[in-house]
Protein backbone atom coordinates (compact mmCIF):
# COMPACT_ATOMS: atom_id res chain seq x y z
CA MET A 1 31.96 39.40 -55.03
CA ARG A 2 34.10 40.01 -51.97
CA THR A 3 33.50 37.49 -49.16
CA THR A 4 36.30 35.76 -47.33
CA ILE A 5 35.85 32.50 -45.52
CA ALA A 6 37.72 33.73 -42.41
CA THR A 7 35.36 36.69 -42.03
CA ALA A 8 32.35 34.46 -42.48
CA VAL A 9 33.53 31.92 -39.90
CA VAL A 10 34.49 34.53 -37.26
CA SER A 11 31.29 36.50 -37.78
CA GLY A 12 29.19 33.35 -37.55
CA LEU A 13 30.78 32.38 -34.25
CA LEU A 14 30.33 35.86 -32.82
CA LEU A 15 26.66 35.77 -33.76
CA GLY A 16 26.13 32.51 -31.92
CA LEU A 17 25.46 30.49 -35.04
CA ALA A 18 27.23 27.37 -33.81
CA PRO A 19 27.65 24.60 -34.74
CA LEU A 20 29.31 26.08 -37.78
CA THR A 21 30.89 23.65 -40.19
CA ALA A 22 31.60 25.74 -43.30
CA ALA A 23 31.28 29.19 -44.72
CA VAL A 24 31.20 29.50 -48.49
CA ALA A 25 31.05 32.35 -50.93
CA ALA A 26 28.06 32.35 -53.23
CA PRO A 27 26.80 34.96 -55.62
CA SER A 28 23.93 37.01 -54.35
CA GLY A 29 20.65 35.28 -55.26
CA GLY A 30 22.38 32.10 -56.49
CA ASP A 31 21.55 28.56 -55.48
CA LEU A 32 23.05 27.39 -52.21
CA PRO A 33 24.26 23.92 -51.30
CA PRO A 34 21.91 21.84 -49.10
CA GLY A 35 22.09 22.85 -45.43
CA CYS A 36 23.27 26.41 -46.24
CA LYS A 37 21.55 29.76 -45.78
CA ARG A 38 22.37 33.40 -46.31
CA HIS A 39 22.82 35.70 -43.33
CA LYS A 40 23.18 39.50 -43.56
CA GLN A 41 25.06 41.29 -40.83
CA TYR A 42 26.77 44.70 -40.74
CA GLY A 43 26.27 45.25 -44.48
CA HIS A 44 27.80 41.90 -45.45
CA THR A 45 26.11 38.76 -46.72
CA PHE A 46 27.38 35.50 -45.28
CA VAL A 47 26.51 31.99 -46.36
CA ILE A 48 26.43 29.66 -43.41
CA CYS A 49 26.34 25.91 -43.87
CA LYS A 50 25.58 23.39 -41.22
CA GLY A 51 26.27 19.72 -41.77
CA GLU A 52 24.57 16.71 -40.27
CA ASN A 53 25.29 15.85 -36.65
CA GLY A 54 28.14 13.42 -36.33
CA LYS A 55 28.11 10.11 -34.51
CA ASP A 56 28.23 10.16 -30.71
CA GLY A 57 31.68 9.77 -29.25
CA ALA A 58 32.77 6.86 -27.13
CA ASP A 59 31.63 6.76 -23.50
CA GLY A 60 34.09 8.14 -21.00
CA LYS A 61 35.76 6.12 -18.27
CA ASP A 62 33.80 5.27 -15.13
CA GLY A 63 34.43 7.58 -12.21
CA PRO A 64 35.86 6.46 -8.88
CA GLN A 65 33.79 4.50 -6.38
CA GLY A 66 31.69 6.75 -4.15
CA PRO A 67 31.76 6.57 -0.36
CA ALA A 68 29.82 3.82 1.36
CA GLY A 69 26.35 4.73 2.55
CA PRO A 70 25.36 4.62 6.20
CA VAL A 71 24.78 1.23 7.79
CA ARG A 72 21.17 1.09 8.85
CA ALA A 73 20.76 -2.49 10.00
CA PRO A 74 17.77 -3.08 12.25
CA GLN A 75 18.29 -4.15 15.86
CA VAL A 76 16.01 -6.82 17.31
CA LEU A 77 15.82 -6.48 21.09
CA THR A 78 14.22 -9.41 22.88
CA GLY A 79 12.85 -8.92 26.37
CA PRO A 80 13.04 -11.41 29.23
CA GLU A 81 10.66 -14.32 29.59
CA GLN A 82 7.48 -13.10 31.34
CA GLU A 83 5.03 -15.41 33.10
CA VAL A 84 1.45 -15.46 31.79
CA PRO A 85 -0.65 -17.03 34.58
CA ALA A 86 -3.77 -19.04 33.81
CA ASP A 87 -7.08 -17.13 33.86
CA THR A 88 -5.48 -13.71 33.19
CA SER A 89 -5.71 -11.07 30.52
CA LYS A 90 -3.04 -8.39 30.48
CA GLU A 91 -0.48 -6.44 28.49
CA TYR A 92 3.22 -7.38 28.24
CA ALA A 93 5.96 -4.99 27.11
CA GLY A 94 9.18 -5.52 25.18
CA PRO A 95 12.41 -3.58 25.66
CA GLU A 96 12.66 0.10 24.66
CA CYS A 97 14.65 1.20 21.62
CA PRO A 98 17.91 2.88 22.66
CA SER A 99 18.72 6.54 22.01
CA GLY A 100 19.54 7.22 18.34
CA THR A 101 17.09 4.59 17.09
CA SER A 102 13.38 4.51 16.35
CA ILE A 103 10.87 1.68 16.67
CA VAL A 104 9.83 0.13 13.35
CA GLY A 105 8.11 -3.05 14.53
CA GLY A 106 7.96 -5.82 17.04
CA GLY A 107 6.23 -9.03 18.03
CA HIS A 108 6.17 -11.84 20.55
CA TYR A 109 6.41 -15.58 20.93
CA GLN A 110 5.08 -17.90 23.59
CA VAL A 111 7.84 -19.87 25.24
CA LYS A 112 5.80 -22.64 26.88
CA THR A 113 3.48 -24.56 24.56
CA PRO A 114 0.85 -25.75 24.13
CA SER A 115 -1.02 -22.71 25.31
CA PHE A 116 -4.52 -21.36 24.88
CA ALA A 117 -3.42 -17.75 25.37
CA LEU A 118 -4.95 -15.59 22.64
CA VAL A 119 -3.46 -12.40 21.26
CA GLN A 120 -5.94 -9.58 21.80
CA GLY A 121 -3.67 -7.07 20.08
CA ASP A 122 -0.13 -5.80 19.70
CA ARG A 123 1.21 -2.32 18.96
CA PRO A 124 4.05 0.11 19.33
CA ASP A 125 3.90 2.27 22.44
CA GLY A 126 6.51 5.01 22.51
CA GLN A 127 9.82 3.28 21.86
CA GLN A 128 8.73 -0.27 22.79
CA TRP A 129 6.43 -3.01 21.51
CA LYS A 130 3.49 -4.25 23.58
CA VAL A 131 1.26 -7.30 23.27
CA TRP A 132 -2.05 -8.02 25.05
CA LEU A 133 -2.59 -11.71 25.86
CA ASN A 134 -5.82 -13.27 27.07
CA ASN A 135 -5.13 -16.51 28.92
CA ALA A 136 -8.58 -16.72 30.50
CA HIS A 137 -10.86 -19.74 30.62
CA VAL A 138 -12.73 -20.14 27.30
CA GLY A 139 -15.60 -22.64 27.09
CA SER A 140 -14.64 -26.05 28.41
CA ALA A 141 -10.90 -25.57 27.72
CA LYS A 142 -8.82 -25.35 30.87
CA THR A 143 -6.12 -22.72 30.68
CA THR A 144 -2.63 -23.31 31.89
CA ALA A 145 0.15 -20.91 32.73
CA THR A 146 2.55 -20.05 29.93
CA SER A 147 5.25 -17.48 29.32
CA VAL A 148 5.98 -14.95 26.62
CA LYS A 149 8.94 -13.00 25.22
CA VAL A 150 8.20 -9.67 23.56
CA TYR A 151 10.66 -8.19 21.08
CA THR A 152 11.10 -4.69 19.69
CA ILE A 153 12.66 -3.88 16.30
CA CYS A 154 14.64 -0.63 16.17
CA LEU A 155 16.33 1.19 13.28
CA PRO A 156 19.10 3.79 13.58
CA VAL A 157 17.96 7.31 12.68
CA ASP A 158 20.01 9.85 10.72
């Protein structure tokens, strides 16, 4: 029997038989240790043994802090106080979002209360928020003038 461990180890690595933990000589046809198998290559018989996987190594150190992300704080732009006369129904607009931002919402609040003005709807329109108020006479209730401020919510775009 003529098998050297060095030949077996080098041949096993060249054949891509990693992970390779031991190469042993064994007589042809003899019993092999657990985890071992015979491999024939280039007229030679090699016995290749693979052990159990070892324990995982310790975790590496944390990497450096990454760069800060972009600041994307919303801007709330409030328009001027707008008069809402009694017995009217009309639309009121908030300010437009500036260049480099996009509208993401909006709303309104009535400055003078109490008021019987009813919201008929609100919506984005281009880069500004609009609200439709109905301050018309309803039933026996007498309407009074009020005022409203409309606001637009804008978010910076990438």
